[in-house]
């Protein structure tokens, strides 16, 4: 009986340690996990409502409705998805680059004006340890790529998204053309239409408006505990976090 009790105690301690490690892991990655969860929820909502809207449009034109699986293969879905993704990746890529070189006095989104910032330090002069990223220890062209890898990732994702936007949009545009007795278009022809650029510009402008609002509003407004805000009691024109 004592042996059994000892085994149960050890098992309970092990399970308690696992739960603690899991809680710590969730806490340490909560921001990323929350955003992934919200993305999946809203993306599922977009797919479901998009399929319903597409089917209503099909019925209005005397055509068959589609299932969710069939909707995912349509140009309308591809165009709608990547039209939005391209603007997000463009916004974030440009924001990473602009905040490297431009300043906004008083904004929590800006590096300090006229002062050295840790982000400006040359990694070639930094002390290297076992936890130093491998590209920094490797140096050379690998480091050159790595020190601009964040903006590079966003611009690659932007390029991929705008290409898929053009492909899906050409498909959807051609379906509409055909329904009205007009010839379909190629991807290159679609890129030359006002429709393609309207779809892009209507999203791009909203993204940079949102960036301008957070940059300007963070001078005067606060959000306690947020990394995107200055401390609540900090003066308006104290720049940076």
C-alpha atoms as a PDB file:
ATOM      1  CA  UNK A   1       0.000   0.000   0.000  1.00  0.00           C
ATOM      2  CA  UNK A   2       2.852   2.382   0.858  1.00  0.00           C
ATOM      3  CA  UNK A   3       4.492   1.648  -2.487  1.00  0.00           C
ATOM      4  CA  UNK A   4       1.247   2.341  -4.301  1.00  0.00           C
ATOM      5  CA  UNK A   5       0.796   5.594  -2.419  1.00  0.00           C
ATOM      6  CA  UNK A   6       4.346   6.634  -3.271  1.00  0.00           C
ATOM      7  CA  UNK A   7       3.773   5.867  -6.939  1.00  0.00           C
ATOM      8  CA  UNK A   8       0.543   7.863  -6.951  1.00  0.00           C
ATOM      9  CA  UNK A   9       2.301  10.762  -5.229  1.00  0.00           C
ATOM     10  CA  UNK A  10       5.113  10.712  -7.809  1.00  0.00           C
ATOM     11  CA  UNK A  11       2.585  10.518 -10.631  1.00  0.00           C
ATOM     12  CA  UNK A  12       0.609  13.417  -9.186  1.00  0.00           C
ATOM     13  CA  UNK A  13       3.772  15.483  -8.818  1.00  0.00           C
ATOM     14  CA  UNK A  14       4.736  14.697 -12.421  1.00  0.00           C
ATOM     15  CA  UNK A  15       1.281  15.717 -13.690  1.00  0.00           C
ATOM     16  CA  UNK A  16       1.448  18.886 -11.611  1.00  0.00           C
ATOM     17  CA  UNK A  17       4.812  19.766 -13.128  1.00  0.00           C
ATOM     18  CA  UNK A  18       3.463  19.172 -16.640  1.00  0.00           C
ATOM     19  CA  UNK A  19       0.481  21.426 -15.959  1.00  0.00           C
ATOM     20  CA  UNK A  20       2.785  24.127 -14.617  1.00  0.00           C
ATOM     21  CA  UNK A  21       5.030  23.882 -17.661  1.00  0.00           C
ATOM     22  CA  UNK A  22       1.976  24.064 -19.935  1.00  0.00           C
ATOM     23  CA  UNK A  23       0.644  27.136 -18.126  1.00  0.00           C
ATOM     24  CA  UNK A  24       4.045  28.779 -18.361  1.00  0.00           C
ATOM     25  CA  UNK A  25       4.300  27.970 -22.060  1.00  0.00           C
ATOM     26  CA  UNK A  26       0.833  29.400 -22.761  1.00  0.00           C
ATOM     27  CA  UNK A  27       1.656  32.530 -20.734  1.00  0.00           C
ATOM     28  CA  UNK A  28       4.953  32.999 -22.560  1.00  0.00           C
ATOM     29  CA  UNK A  29       3.282  32.663 -25.983  1.00  0.00           C
ATOM     30  CA  UNK A  30      -0.135  34.114 -25.166  1.00  0.00           C
ATOM     31  CA  UNK A  31       0.021  37.060 -27.557  1.00  0.00           C
ATOM     32  CA  UNK A  32       0.852  34.876 -30.551  1.00  0.00           C
ATOM     33  CA  UNK A  33      -1.648  32.161 -29.567  1.00  0.00           C
ATOM     34  CA  UNK A  34      -4.468  34.671 -29.088  1.00  0.00           C
ATOM     35  CA  UNK A  35      -3.876  36.236 -32.493  1.00  0.00           C
ATOM     36  CA  UNK A  36      -3.693  32.843 -34.218  1.00  0.00           C
ATOM     37  CA  UNK A  37      -6.960  31.817 -32.533  1.00  0.00           C
ATOM     38  CA  UNK A  38      -8.677  35.059 -33.572  1.00  0.00           C
ATOM     39  CA  UNK A  39      -7.379  34.641 -37.124  1.00  0.00           C
ATOM     40  CA  UNK A  40      -8.783  31.107 -37.338  1.00  0.00           C
ATOM     41  CA  UNK A  41     -12.151  32.182 -35.927  1.00  0.00           C
ATOM     42  CA  UNK A  42     -12.523  35.137 -38.290  1.00  0.00           C
ATOM     43  CA  UNK A  43     -11.147  33.213 -41.259  1.00  0.00           C
ATOM     44  CA  UNK A  44     -13.701  30.457 -40.672  1.00  0.00           C
ATOM     45  CA  UNK A  45     -16.398  33.113 -40.465  1.00  0.00           C
ATOM     46  CA  UNK A  46     -15.208  34.623 -43.730  1.00  0.00           C
ATOM     47  CA  UNK A  47     -15.277  31.243 -45.482  1.00  0.00           C
ATOM     48  CA  UNK A  48     -18.745  30.324 -44.230  1.00  0.00           C
ATOM     49  CA  UNK A  49     -20.357  33.678 -44.977  1.00  0.00           C
ATOM     50  CA  UNK A  50     -18.413  34.024 -48.227  1.00  0.00           C
ATOM     51  CA  UNK A  51     -19.722  30.691 -49.460  1.00  0.00           C
ATOM     52  CA  UNK A  52     -23.278  31.721 -48.542  1.00  0.00           C
ATOM     53  CA  UNK A  53     -22.926  35.080 -50.290  1.00  0.00           C
ATOM     54  CA  UNK A  54     -21.394  33.455 -53.377  1.00  0.00           C
ATOM     55  CA  UNK A  55     -24.239  30.929 -53.520  1.00  0.00           C
ATOM     56  CA  UNK A  56     -26.819  33.711 -53.312  1.00  0.00           C
ATOM     57  CA  UNK A  57     -25.128  35.430 -56.239  1.00  0.00           C
ATOM     58  CA  UNK A  58     -25.092  32.160 -58.166  1.00  0.00           C
ATOM     59  CA  UNK A  59     -28.823  31.685 -57.574  1.00  0.00           C
ATOM     60  CA  UNK A  60     -29.514  35.251 -58.715  1.00  0.00           C
ATOM     61  CA  UNK A  61     -27.844  34.354 -62.032  1.00  0.00           C
ATOM     62  CA  UNK A  62     -29.726  31.061 -62.359  1.00  0.00           C
ATOM     63  CA  UNK A  63     -26.714  28.907 -61.454  1.00  0.00           C
ATOM     64  CA  UNK A  64     -26.173  26.183 -58.872  1.00  0.00           C
ATOM     65  CA  UNK A  65     -25.142  26.958 -55.324  1.00  0.00           C
ATOM     66  CA  UNK A  66     -21.759  25.769 -54.025  1.00  0.00           C
ATOM     67  CA  UNK A  67     -20.559  23.940 -50.937  1.00  0.00           C
ATOM     68  CA  UNK A  68     -17.883  25.406 -48.707  1.00  0.00           C
ATOM     69  CA  UNK A  69     -15.308  23.081 -50.274  1.00  0.00           C
ATOM     70  CA  UNK A  70     -16.306  24.188 -53.779  1.00  0.00           C
ATOM     71  CA  UNK A  71     -16.202  27.831 -52.705  1.00  0.00           C
ATOM     72  CA  UNK A  72     -12.578  27.464 -51.593  1.00  0.00           C
ATOM     73  CA  UNK A  73     -11.645  26.623 -55.197  1.00  0.00           C
ATOM     74  CA  UNK A  74     -13.324  29.703 -56.682  1.00  0.00           C
ATOM     75  CA  UNK A  75     -11.563  32.810 -57.896  1.00  0.00           C
ATOM     76  CA  UNK A  76     -13.851  34.866 -55.676  1.00  0.00           C
ATOM     77  CA  UNK A  77     -12.453  33.238 -52.528  1.00  0.00           C
ATOM     78  CA  UNK A  78      -8.825  33.446 -53.654  1.00  0.00           C
ATOM     79  CA  UNK A  79      -9.199  37.082 -54.692  1.00  0.00           C
ATOM     80  CA  UNK A  80     -10.990  38.120 -51.476  1.00  0.00           C
ATOM     81  CA  UNK A  81      -8.452  36.379 -49.256  1.00  0.00           C
ATOM     82  CA  UNK A  82      -5.222  37.550 -50.833  1.00  0.00           C
ATOM     83  CA  UNK A  83      -6.516  41.032 -51.638  1.00  0.00           C
ATOM     84  CA  UNK A  84      -6.677  41.548 -47.871  1.00  0.00           C
ATOM     85  CA  UNK A  85      -3.498  39.685 -47.000  1.00  0.00           C
ATOM     86  CA  UNK A  86      -1.436  41.718 -49.470  1.00  0.00           C
ATOM     87  CA  UNK A  87      -2.410  44.969 -47.773  1.00  0.00           C
ATOM     88  CA  UNK A  88      -1.556  43.626 -44.322  1.00  0.00           C
ATOM     89  CA  UNK A  89       1.880  42.410 -45.376  1.00  0.00           C
ATOM     90  CA  UNK A  90       2.577  45.648 -47.266  1.00  0.00           C
ATOM     91  CA  UNK A  91       1.595  47.675 -44.210  1.00  0.00           C
ATOM     92  CA  UNK A  92       3.782  45.700 -41.819  1.00  0.00           C
ATOM     93  CA  UNK A  93       6.765  45.576 -44.188  1.00  0.00           C
ATOM     94  CA  UNK A  94       6.639  49.310 -44.800  1.00  0.00           C
ATOM     95  CA  UNK A  95       6.112  49.995 -41.103  1.00  0.00           C
ATOM     96  CA  UNK A  96       9.208  47.977 -40.165  1.00  0.00           C
ATOM     97  CA  UNK A  97      11.286  49.921 -42.715  1.00  0.00           C
ATOM     98  CA  UNK A  98       9.837  53.370 -41.970  1.00  0.00           C
ATOM     99  CA  UNK A  99      10.343  53.013 -38.214  1.00  0.00           C
ATOM    100  CA  UNK A 100      13.998  52.165 -38.884  1.00  0.00           C
ATOM    101  CA  UNK A 101      14.646  55.588 -40.416  1.00  0.00           C
ATOM    102  CA  UNK A 102      11.827  57.976 -39.454  1.00  0.00           C
ATOM    103  CA  UNK A 103      10.770  59.402 -36.084  1.00  0.00           C
ATOM    104  CA  UNK A 104       7.677  60.800 -34.413  1.00  0.00           C
ATOM    105  CA  UNK A 105       8.351  62.855 -31.318  1.00  0.00           C
ATOM    106  CA  UNK A 106       6.200  61.658 -28.434  1.00  0.00           C
ATOM    107  CA  UNK A 107       4.968  58.444 -30.083  1.00  0.00           C
ATOM    108  CA  UNK A 108       5.410  55.056 -28.438  1.00  0.00           C
ATOM    109  CA  UNK A 109       5.838  53.675 -31.964  1.00  0.00           C
ATOM    110  CA  UNK A 110       9.026  55.645 -32.611  1.00  0.00           C
ATOM    111  CA  UNK A 111      12.628  55.258 -31.561  1.00  0.00           C
ATOM    112  CA  UNK A 112      13.861  58.158 -29.377  1.00  0.00           C
ATOM    113  CA  UNK A 113      14.685  61.287 -31.370  1.00  0.00           C
ATOM    114  CA  UNK A 114      18.355  62.260 -31.351  1.00  0.00           C
ATOM    115  CA  UNK A 115      19.343  59.381 -29.059  1.00  0.00           C
ATOM    116  CA  UNK A 116      21.025  56.050 -29.667  1.00  0.00           C
ATOM    117  CA  UNK A 117      18.618  53.110 -29.760  1.00  0.00           C
ATOM    118  CA  UNK A 118      19.479  49.430 -29.142  1.00  0.00           C
ATOM    119  CA  UNK A 119      18.057  48.562 -32.582  1.00  0.00           C
ATOM    120  CA  UNK A 120      20.749  50.688 -34.221  1.00  0.00           C
ATOM    121  CA  UNK A 121      23.660  48.788 -32.698  1.00  0.00           C
ATOM    122  CA  UNK A 122      25.950  47.034 -35.177  1.00  0.00           C
ATOM    123  CA  UNK A 123      25.680  43.279 -34.492  1.00  0.00           C
ATOM    124  CA  UNK A 124      29.236  42.844 -35.812  1.00  0.00           C
ATOM    125  CA  UNK A 125      30.514  44.654 -32.737  1.00  0.00           C
ATOM    126  CA  UNK A 126      28.327  42.780 -30.255  1.00  0.00           C
ATOM    127  CA  UNK A 127      29.670  40.170 -27.843  1.00  0.00           C
ATOM    128  CA  UNK A 128      28.668  36.680 -28.977  1.00  0.00           C
ATOM    129  CA  UNK A 129      27.380  33.995 -26.644  1.00  0.00           C
ATOM    130  CA  UNK A 130      25.788  30.556 -27.020  1.00  0.00           C
ATOM    131  CA  UNK A 131      22.333  32.143 -27.335  1.00  0.00           C
ATOM    132  CA  UNK A 132      23.377  34.683 -29.941  1.00  0.00           C
ATOM    133  CA  UNK A 133      21.440  33.978 -33.182  1.00  0.00           C
ATOM    134  CA  UNK A 134      23.451  31.794 -35.556  1.00  0.00           C
ATOM    135  CA  UNK A 135      23.434  34.327 -38.436  1.00  0.00           C
ATOM    136  CA  UNK A 136      25.092  36.886 -36.142  1.00  0.00           C
ATOM    137  CA  UNK A 137      27.808  34.416 -35.177  1.00  0.00           C
ATOM    138  CA  UNK A 138      28.197  33.358 -38.829  1.00  0.00           C
ATOM    139  CA  UNK A 139      28.583  36.919 -40.117  1.00  0.00           C
ATOM    140  CA  UNK A 140      29.171  37.853 -43.758  1.00  0.00           C
ATOM    141  CA  UNK A 141      26.338  37.721 -46.266  1.00  0.00           C
ATOM    142  CA  UNK A 142      24.260  35.549 -43.926  1.00  0.00           C
ATOM    143  CA  UNK A 143      24.222  38.336 -41.327  1.00  0.00           C
ATOM    144  CA  UNK A 144      23.540  40.929 -44.031  1.00  0.00           C
ATOM    145  CA  UNK A 145      20.365  39.072 -44.975  1.00  0.00           C
ATOM    146  CA  UNK A 146      19.418  38.363 -41.374  1.00  0.00           C
ATOM    147  CA  UNK A 147      19.614  41.990 -40.243  1.00  0.00           C
ATOM    148  CA  UNK A 148      16.896  42.838 -42.802  1.00  0.00           C
ATOM    149  CA  UNK A 149      15.021  39.530 -42.597  1.00  0.00           C
ATOM    150  CA  UNK A 150      11.923  40.903 -40.840  1.00  0.00           C
ATOM    151  CA  UNK A 151      11.044  43.403 -43.574  1.00  0.00           C
ATOM    152  CA  UNK A 152      12.191  40.862 -46.172  1.00  0.00           C
ATOM    153  CA  UNK A 153       9.689  38.298 -44.916  1.00  0.00           C
ATOM    154  CA  UNK A 154       6.802  40.759 -45.106  1.00  0.00           C
ATOM    155  CA  UNK A 155       7.712  41.897 -48.627  1.00  0.00           C
ATOM    156  CA  UNK A 156       7.994  38.280 -49.831  1.00  0.00           C
ATOM    157  CA  UNK A 157       4.561  37.546 -48.366  1.00  0.00           C
ATOM    158  CA  UNK A 158       3.234  40.735 -49.978  1.00  0.00           C
ATOM    159  CA  UNK A 159       4.605  39.663 -53.385  1.00  0.00           C
ATOM    160  CA  UNK A 160       3.089  36.183 -53.073  1.00  0.00           C
ATOM    161  CA  UNK A 161      -0.257  37.626 -51.951  1.00  0.00           C
ATOM    162  CA  UNK A 162      -0.527  40.177 -54.747  1.00  0.00           C
ATOM    163  CA  UNK A 163       0.239  37.461 -57.322  1.00  0.00           C
ATOM    164  CA  UNK A 164      -2.474  35.204 -55.872  1.00  0.00           C
ATOM    165  CA  UNK A 165      -4.827  38.202 -55.706  1.00  0.00           C
ATOM    166  CA  UNK A 166      -4.238  38.749 -59.421  1.00  0.00           C
ATOM    167  CA  UNK A 167      -4.783  35.067 -60.255  1.00  0.00           C
ATOM    168  CA  UNK A 168      -7.964  34.744 -58.198  1.00  0.00           C
ATOM    169  CA  UNK A 169      -9.220  38.133 -59.325  1.00  0.00           C
ATOM    170  CA  UNK A 170      -8.694  37.289 -62.996  1.00  0.00           C
ATOM    171  CA  UNK A 171     -10.718  34.126 -62.516  1.00  0.00           C
ATOM    172  CA  UNK A 172     -13.573  35.935 -60.768  1.00  0.00           C
ATOM    173  CA  UNK A 173     -13.483  38.829 -63.241  1.00  0.00           C
ATOM    174  CA  UNK A 174     -13.592  36.403 -66.168  1.00  0.00           C
ATOM    175  CA  UNK A 175     -16.626  34.634 -64.701  1.00  0.00           C
ATOM    176  CA  UNK A 176     -18.430  37.970 -64.519  1.00  0.00           C
ATOM    177  CA  UNK A 177     -17.350  38.883 -68.029  1.00  0.00           C
ATOM    178  CA  UNK A 178     -18.592  35.564 -69.391  1.00  0.00           C
ATOM    179  CA  UNK A 179     -21.927  35.956 -67.574  1.00  0.00           C
ATOM    180  CA  UNK A 180     -22.399  39.259 -69.412  1.00  0.00           C
ATOM    181  CA  UNK A 181     -21.392  37.886 -72.799  1.00  0.00           C
ATOM    182  CA  UNK A 182     -17.879  39.370 -72.684  1.00  0.00           C
ATOM    183  CA  UNK A 183     -14.573  37.535 -73.274  1.00  0.00           C
ATOM    184  CA  UNK A 184     -12.565  36.338 -70.244  1.00  0.00           C
ATOM    185  CA  UNK A 185      -9.233  37.962 -69.359  1.00  0.00           C
ATOM    186  CA  UNK A 186      -5.750  36.686 -68.617  1.00  0.00           C
ATOM    187  CA  UNK A 187      -3.970  37.482 -65.364  1.00  0.00           C
ATOM    188  CA  UNK A 188      -1.856  40.163 -67.063  1.00  0.00           C
ATOM    189  CA  UNK A 189      -4.939  41.702 -68.653  1.00  0.00           C
ATOM    190  CA  UNK A 190      -6.663  41.742 -65.288  1.00  0.00           C
ATOM    191  CA  UNK A 191      -3.711  43.542 -63.669  1.00  0.00           C
ATOM    192  CA  UNK A 192      -4.245  46.283 -66.259  1.00  0.00           C
ATOM    193  CA  UNK A 193      -7.887  46.800 -65.280  1.00  0.00           C
ATOM    194  CA  UNK A 194      -9.114  49.518 -62.906  1.00  0.00           C
ATOM    195  CA  UNK A 195     -10.841  46.764 -60.909  1.00  0.00           C
ATOM    196  CA  UNK A 196      -7.547  45.185 -59.814  1.00  0.00           C
ATOM    197  CA  UNK A 197      -6.049  48.477 -58.663  1.00  0.00           C
ATOM    198  CA  UNK A 198      -9.281  49.591 -57.002  1.00  0.00           C
ATOM    199  CA  UNK A 199      -9.281  46.379 -54.960  1.00  0.00           C
ATOM    200  CA  UNK A 200      -5.664  47.016 -53.945  1.00  0.00           C
ATOM    201  CA  UNK A 201      -5.859  50.737 -53.225  1.00  0.00           C
ATOM    202  CA  UNK A 202      -9.051  50.464 -51.179  1.00  0.00           C
ATOM    203  CA  UNK A 203      -7.203  48.163 -48.778  1.00  0.00           C
ATOM    204  CA  UNK A 204      -3.802  49.861 -48.836  1.00  0.00           C
ATOM    205  CA  UNK A 205      -5.194  53.263 -47.889  1.00  0.00           C
ATOM    206  CA  UNK A 206      -7.024  51.865 -44.854  1.00  0.00           C
ATOM    207  CA  UNK A 207      -3.899  50.103 -43.575  1.00  0.00           C
ATOM    208  CA  UNK A 208      -1.785  53.245 -43.605  1.00  0.00           C
ATOM    209  CA  UNK A 209      -4.620  55.261 -42.079  1.00  0.00           C
ATOM    210  CA  UNK A 210      -4.627  52.806 -39.163  1.00  0.00           C
ATOM    211  CA  UNK A 211      -0.844  53.145 -38.812  1.00  0.00           C
ATOM    212  CA  UNK A 212      -1.069  56.950 -38.847  1.00  0.00           C
ATOM    213  CA  UNK A 213      -3.753  56.841 -36.140  1.00  0.00           C
ATOM    214  CA  UNK A 214      -1.715  54.619 -33.785  1.00  0.00           C
ATOM    215  CA  UNK A 215       1.449  56.663 -34.350  1.00  0.00           C
ATOM    216  CA  UNK A 216      -0.328  59.955 -33.647  1.00  0.00           C
ATOM    217  CA  UNK A 217      -2.757  58.781 -30.962  1.00  0.00           C
ATOM    218  CA  UNK A 218      -0.016  57.101 -28.906  1.00  0.00           C
ATOM    219  CA  UNK A 219       1.467  60.565 -28.279  1.00  0.00           C
ATOM    220  CA  UNK A 220      -1.518  61.658 -26.193  1.00  0.00           C
ATOM    221  CA  UNK A 221      -3.477  58.517 -25.326  1.00  0.00           C
ATOM    222  CA  UNK A 222      -2.488  55.555 -23.162  1.00  0.00           C
ATOM    223  CA  UNK A 223      -3.372  51.914 -22.640  1.00  0.00           C
ATOM    224  CA  UNK A 224      -2.132  50.698 -19.287  1.00  0.00           C
ATOM    225  CA  UNK A 225      -0.091  47.458 -19.489  1.00  0.00           C
ATOM    226  CA  UNK A 226       0.095  47.511 -23.313  1.00  0.00           C
ATOM    227  CA  UNK A 227       3.498  47.294 -24.989  1.00  0.00           C
ATOM    228  CA  UNK A 228       2.111  49.630 -27.657  1.00  0.00           C
ATOM    229  CA  UNK A 229       1.589  52.431 -25.146  1.00  0.00           C
ATOM    230  CA  UNK A 230       3.886  54.625 -23.102  1.00  0.00           C
ATOM    231  CA  UNK A 231       3.489  54.493 -19.297  1.00  0.00           C
ATOM    232  CA  UNK A 232       0.271  56.289 -18.363  1.00  0.00           C
ATOM    233  CA  UNK A 233       2.034  59.010 -16.355  1.00  0.00           C
ATOM    234  CA  UNK A 234       4.736  59.678 -18.949  1.00  0.00           C
ATOM    235  CA  UNK A 235       4.738  63.165 -20.575  1.00  0.00           C
ATOM    236  CA  UNK A 236       3.178  63.445 -24.028  1.00  0.00           C
ATOM    237  CA  UNK A 237       6.388  64.334 -25.826  1.00  0.00           C
ATOM    238  CA  UNK A 238       8.539  61.653 -24.249  1.00  0.00           C
ATOM    239  CA  UNK A 239       9.356  59.505 -27.273  1.00  0.00           C
ATOM    240  CA  UNK A 240       9.540  55.722 -27.415  1.00  0.00           C
ATOM    241  CA  UNK A 241       8.636  52.965 -25.021  1.00  0.00           C
END
